[in-house]
C-alpha cells in the first residue's frame, strides 16, 4: 500500500507539466495584427471601395433671390453660376468646396444699381440612408447640407460712378436630391439653399424711402450636373 502511494507520488512528480503561455502565445487585441476593426467595419469598407464614390466635380445653373428687406429692394438674379469640387468620406458623409457668381440689380429714385456677388466656402453633406425606403425615395438620394464661407459684392451705378465693394462671413444650410444618370459617373442634382451674410450695409438707412435697412439673406434654387470617379 505504501509502495503504491509512493509510486503515484513519483509519477505525479515526474509527469510533464504544461508550459505556461508565453507573451507571444497569448491572444490579445494588442498583440494581434490589425487596427481592431470588427468584421462589420471591414465589410462596410470593402463595400464602399467597391460601390462608393471618391471625388467629384459639379457645375450648376440656377436662380437666386434676396430675402427680408434686401429682397424688397433687389431684383432676383438669373442665372446664378456654381462650381464645386466634392470628396466623399463614405456613403453618407461628403465635403465640397465651391464658388458661385450672381448679379442682382435694383432701381432707386430712377437710378439703376447692379450688385455683383461672389461667394466661396466649404460645405458638409449628410446623405440619408434610404436603402429600405420606397424606390422613388432611394433613387433620389436625398441629403442635407451645412456650409460656411465668405461672400463679397461690388455695387456699380449706370452713370459710371466708382464701384463700392464689401464682403462678409456667410453661413448656409439647405437640402437636395441627387439623381443618377450613369451610375458612379454622372448625376443630376436639385438643391435649395439659404445663406446669411453680414455685409457692412445691412443696417444702412440710405434707402429708407424704400426699406428701413438691408437686412436679409439669399435663397438659391440650383440644378447641378456632377461628374464623379
Protein backbone atom coordinates (compact mmCIF):
# COMPACT_ATOMS: atom_id res chain seq x y z
CA UNK A 1 0.00 0.00 0.00
CA UNK A 2 2.80 2.34 0.95
CA UNK A 3 4.71 1.38 -2.25
CA UNK A 4 1.66 2.12 -4.41
CA UNK A 5 1.31 5.54 -2.81
CA UNK A 6 4.99 6.29 -3.29
CA UNK A 7 4.73 5.22 -6.97
CA UNK A 8 1.75 7.51 -7.52
CA UNK A 9 3.57 10.41 -5.91
CA UNK A 10 6.65 9.75 -8.01
CA UNK A 11 4.54 9.52 -11.17
CA UNK A 12 2.79 12.76 -10.35
CA UNK A 13 6.06 14.49 -9.67
CA UNK A 14 7.61 13.17 -12.87
CA UNK A 15 4.61 13.94 -15.14
CA UNK A 16 5.38 16.66 -17.73
CA UNK A 17 3.84 19.99 -16.86
CA UNK A 18 2.03 22.12 -19.42
CA UNK A 19 4.15 25.14 -20.17
CA UNK A 20 2.73 28.48 -19.17
CA UNK A 21 1.75 30.51 -22.25
CA UNK A 22 4.49 32.87 -23.29
CA UNK A 23 3.97 36.51 -24.12
CA UNK A 24 3.51 35.88 -27.85
CA UNK A 25 1.36 32.77 -27.36
CA UNK A 26 -1.43 34.76 -25.74
CA UNK A 27 -4.37 36.10 -27.70
CA UNK A 28 -4.93 39.83 -27.20
CA UNK A 29 -6.18 42.69 -29.37
CA UNK A 30 -2.90 44.44 -28.56
CA UNK A 31 -0.80 41.58 -29.91
CA UNK A 32 -2.82 40.58 -32.97
CA UNK A 33 -2.23 42.20 -36.35
CA UNK A 34 -4.80 44.80 -37.37
CA UNK A 35 -6.34 48.06 -36.29
CA UNK A 36 -9.03 46.49 -34.09
CA UNK A 37 -11.66 46.71 -36.84
CA UNK A 38 -14.59 44.36 -36.46
CA UNK A 39 -15.72 42.20 -39.33
CA UNK A 40 -18.67 44.53 -39.80
CA UNK A 41 -16.35 47.52 -40.23
CA UNK A 42 -14.22 45.64 -42.73
CA UNK A 43 -17.30 44.58 -44.70
CA UNK A 44 -18.53 48.18 -44.79
CA UNK A 45 -15.16 49.43 -46.02
CA UNK A 46 -14.98 46.76 -48.69
CA UNK A 47 -18.49 47.62 -49.84
CA UNK A 48 -17.62 51.32 -50.06
CA UNK A 49 -14.43 50.73 -52.03
CA UNK A 50 -16.41 48.60 -54.47
CA UNK A 51 -19.53 50.74 -54.90
CA UNK A 52 -18.73 54.18 -53.42
CA UNK A 53 -17.58 57.45 -54.96
CA UNK A 54 -14.43 59.32 -54.02
CA UNK A 55 -14.12 62.59 -55.94
CA UNK A 56 -16.45 64.72 -57.99
CA UNK A 57 -16.79 67.95 -59.96
CA UNK A 58 -20.12 69.73 -60.46
CA UNK A 59 -21.29 72.74 -62.46
CA UNK A 60 -24.57 74.46 -61.56
CA UNK A 61 -27.04 76.90 -63.05
CA UNK A 62 -29.97 78.40 -61.16
CA UNK A 63 -31.89 81.24 -59.58
CA UNK A 64 -31.16 83.40 -56.53
CA UNK A 65 -33.34 85.88 -54.69
CA UNK A 66 -32.73 88.07 -51.66
CA UNK A 67 -34.99 87.81 -48.60
CA UNK A 68 -36.14 90.27 -45.93
CA UNK A 69 -35.81 93.99 -46.56
CA UNK A 70 -32.97 93.40 -49.01
CA UNK A 71 -35.35 91.27 -51.04
CA UNK A 72 -37.85 94.16 -51.24
CA UNK A 73 -35.15 96.20 -52.99
CA UNK A 74 -33.17 93.66 -55.02
CA UNK A 75 -34.31 92.03 -58.24
CA UNK A 76 -33.71 88.24 -58.40
CA UNK A 77 -30.53 87.01 -60.08
CA UNK A 78 -30.86 84.66 -63.04
CA UNK A 79 -28.74 82.88 -63.92
CA UNK A 80 -26.54 82.13 -60.93
CA UNK A 81 -23.44 80.00 -61.67
CA UNK A 82 -21.88 77.44 -59.30
CA UNK A 83 -18.74 75.29 -59.49
CA UNK A 84 -17.80 72.71 -56.83
CA UNK A 85 -15.23 70.05 -56.06
CA UNK A 86 -16.52 67.11 -53.97
CA UNK A 87 -14.95 64.47 -51.74
CA UNK A 88 -16.78 61.53 -50.09
CA UNK A 89 -15.70 60.09 -46.75
CA UNK A 90 -18.20 57.20 -47.01
CA UNK A 91 -21.70 56.53 -48.30
CA UNK A 92 -23.31 59.14 -46.04
CA UNK A 93 -20.79 61.95 -45.46
CA UNK A 94 -19.22 64.22 -48.06
CA UNK A 95 -17.38 67.54 -48.24
CA UNK A 96 -17.32 70.10 -51.04
CA UNK A 97 -15.56 73.36 -51.82
CA UNK A 98 -17.17 75.77 -54.23
CA UNK A 99 -17.58 79.22 -55.70
CA UNK A 100 -20.64 80.99 -57.13
CA UNK A 101 -21.43 84.11 -59.16
CA UNK A 102 -24.71 86.06 -59.20
CA UNK A 103 -25.80 89.52 -60.32
CA UNK A 104 -28.68 91.46 -58.71
CA UNK A 105 -29.98 94.90 -59.65
CA UNK A 106 -32.34 97.47 -58.15
CA UNK A 107 -33.92 100.80 -59.06
CA UNK A 108 -33.72 103.65 -56.57
CA UNK A 109 -35.15 107.06 -57.49
CA UNK A 110 -34.64 106.35 -61.17
CA UNK A 111 -31.01 105.23 -60.74
CA UNK A 112 -30.10 101.64 -61.63
CA UNK A 113 -27.63 99.84 -59.38
CA UNK A 114 -26.04 96.44 -60.04
CA UNK A 115 -24.78 94.15 -57.30
CA UNK A 116 -22.23 91.56 -58.43
CA UNK A 117 -21.99 88.76 -55.83
CA UNK A 118 -19.16 86.24 -55.49
CA UNK A 119 -19.28 83.62 -52.78
CA UNK A 120 -16.97 80.77 -51.82
CA UNK A 121 -16.88 78.30 -48.99
CA UNK A 122 -16.78 74.80 -47.54
CA UNK A 123 -19.83 72.51 -47.22
CA UNK A 124 -20.56 69.27 -45.36
CA UNK A 125 -23.24 66.95 -46.70
CA UNK A 126 -25.14 64.15 -44.99
CA UNK A 127 -26.96 61.59 -47.17
CA UNK A 128 -29.92 59.81 -45.60
CA UNK A 129 -29.86 56.01 -45.50
CA UNK A 130 -32.77 55.15 -47.81
CA UNK A 131 -31.86 51.58 -48.71
CA UNK A 132 -35.08 50.29 -47.15
CA UNK A 133 -37.25 53.20 -48.31
CA UNK A 134 -39.58 53.35 -51.29
CA UNK A 135 -37.94 53.07 -54.69
CA UNK A 136 -38.68 56.68 -55.64
CA UNK A 137 -37.03 57.99 -52.46
CA UNK A 138 -33.99 55.74 -52.68
CA UNK A 139 -33.49 56.69 -56.33
CA UNK A 140 -33.45 60.42 -55.49
CA UNK A 141 -30.77 60.03 -52.76
CA UNK A 142 -31.82 62.99 -50.51
CA UNK A 143 -29.30 64.92 -48.42
CA UNK A 144 -28.93 67.95 -46.17
CA UNK A 145 -26.10 70.45 -46.28
CA UNK A 146 -24.37 72.93 -43.97
CA UNK A 147 -21.77 75.41 -45.11
CA UNK A 148 -19.51 78.28 -44.05
CA UNK A 149 -17.64 80.74 -46.21
CA UNK A 150 -17.44 84.32 -47.35
CA UNK A 151 -19.48 86.47 -49.70
CA UNK A 152 -18.38 89.67 -51.42
CA UNK A 153 -20.30 92.17 -53.53
CA UNK A 154 -19.43 95.01 -55.86
CA UNK A 155 -22.02 97.75 -56.38
CA UNK A 156 -21.91 99.74 -59.60
CA UNK A 157 -24.08 102.58 -60.94
CA UNK A 158 -25.27 103.04 -64.51
CA UNK A 159 -23.76 106.54 -64.61
CA UNK A 160 -20.29 105.14 -64.10
CA UNK A 161 -19.62 106.15 -60.51
CA UNK A 162 -16.82 104.36 -58.68
CA UNK A 163 -17.85 100.85 -57.64
CA UNK A 164 -18.32 100.17 -53.93
CA UNK A 165 -17.13 96.85 -52.54
CA UNK A 166 -17.99 94.91 -49.42
CA UNK A 167 -17.51 91.38 -48.05
CA UNK A 168 -18.60 89.37 -45.06
CA UNK A 169 -18.79 85.97 -43.38
CA UNK A 170 -21.57 83.67 -44.59
CA UNK A 171 -23.36 80.63 -43.15
CA UNK A 172 -25.68 78.49 -45.27
CA UNK A 173 -27.95 75.48 -44.97
CA UNK A 174 -30.07 73.55 -47.39
CA UNK A 175 -31.21 70.24 -48.85
CA UNK A 176 -31.06 68.47 -52.16
CA UNK A 177 -31.91 65.48 -54.30
CA UNK A 178 -29.35 63.56 -56.34
CA UNK A 179 -30.46 61.51 -59.35
CA UNK A 180 -28.04 59.10 -61.05
CA UNK A 181 -27.70 59.40 -64.82
CA UNK A 182 -24.80 57.00 -65.21
CA UNK A 183 -24.07 55.05 -62.04
CA UNK A 184 -20.85 56.19 -60.30
CA UNK A 185 -20.12 58.60 -63.17
CA UNK A 186 -22.78 61.25 -63.79
CA UNK A 187 -25.54 62.71 -61.57
CA UNK A 188 -28.21 65.40 -61.81
CA UNK A 189 -28.73 67.44 -58.62
CA UNK A 190 -31.53 69.73 -57.47
CA UNK A 191 -30.57 71.84 -54.45
CA UNK A 192 -32.19 74.60 -52.37
CA UNK A 193 -30.06 76.69 -50.02
CA UNK A 194 -30.48 79.68 -47.70
CA UNK A 195 -27.41 81.81 -46.87
CA UNK A 196 -26.95 84.53 -44.29
CA UNK A 197 -24.30 87.25 -44.54
CA UNK A 198 -23.03 90.22 -42.54
CA UNK A 199 -22.39 92.97 -45.08
CA UNK A 200 -21.48 96.38 -43.68
CA UNK A 201 -24.53 97.95 -45.37
CA UNK A 202 -27.01 95.65 -43.54
CA UNK A 203 -28.12 98.47 -41.22
CA UNK A 204 -27.68 101.33 -43.67
CA UNK A 205 -30.53 103.89 -43.85
CA UNK A 206 -29.52 105.11 -47.34
CA UNK A 207 -32.59 103.54 -48.97
CA UNK A 208 -35.02 104.35 -46.13
CA UNK A 209 -37.59 105.79 -48.55
CA UNK A 210 -37.96 102.20 -49.87
CA UNK A 211 -36.82 99.97 -46.99
CA UNK A 212 -35.80 100.54 -43.37
CA UNK A 213 -32.48 98.71 -43.80
CA UNK A 214 -30.86 95.97 -45.91
CA UNK A 215 -31.33 93.04 -43.54
CA UNK A 216 -31.99 89.66 -45.09
CA UNK A 217 -30.19 86.73 -46.67
CA UNK A 218 -30.17 84.94 -50.02
CA UNK A 219 -32.21 81.95 -51.19
CA UNK A 220 -30.98 79.94 -54.17
CA UNK A 221 -32.50 77.14 -56.24
CA UNK A 222 -29.89 75.31 -58.29
CA UNK A 223 -29.56 72.49 -60.81
CA UNK A 224 -26.15 70.79 -61.00
CA UNK A 225 -24.53 68.30 -63.32
CA UNK A 226 -21.95 66.30 -61.38
CA UNK A 227 -19.19 64.02 -62.65
CA UNK A 228 -17.64 61.52 -60.22
CA UNK A 229 -14.87 58.97 -60.14
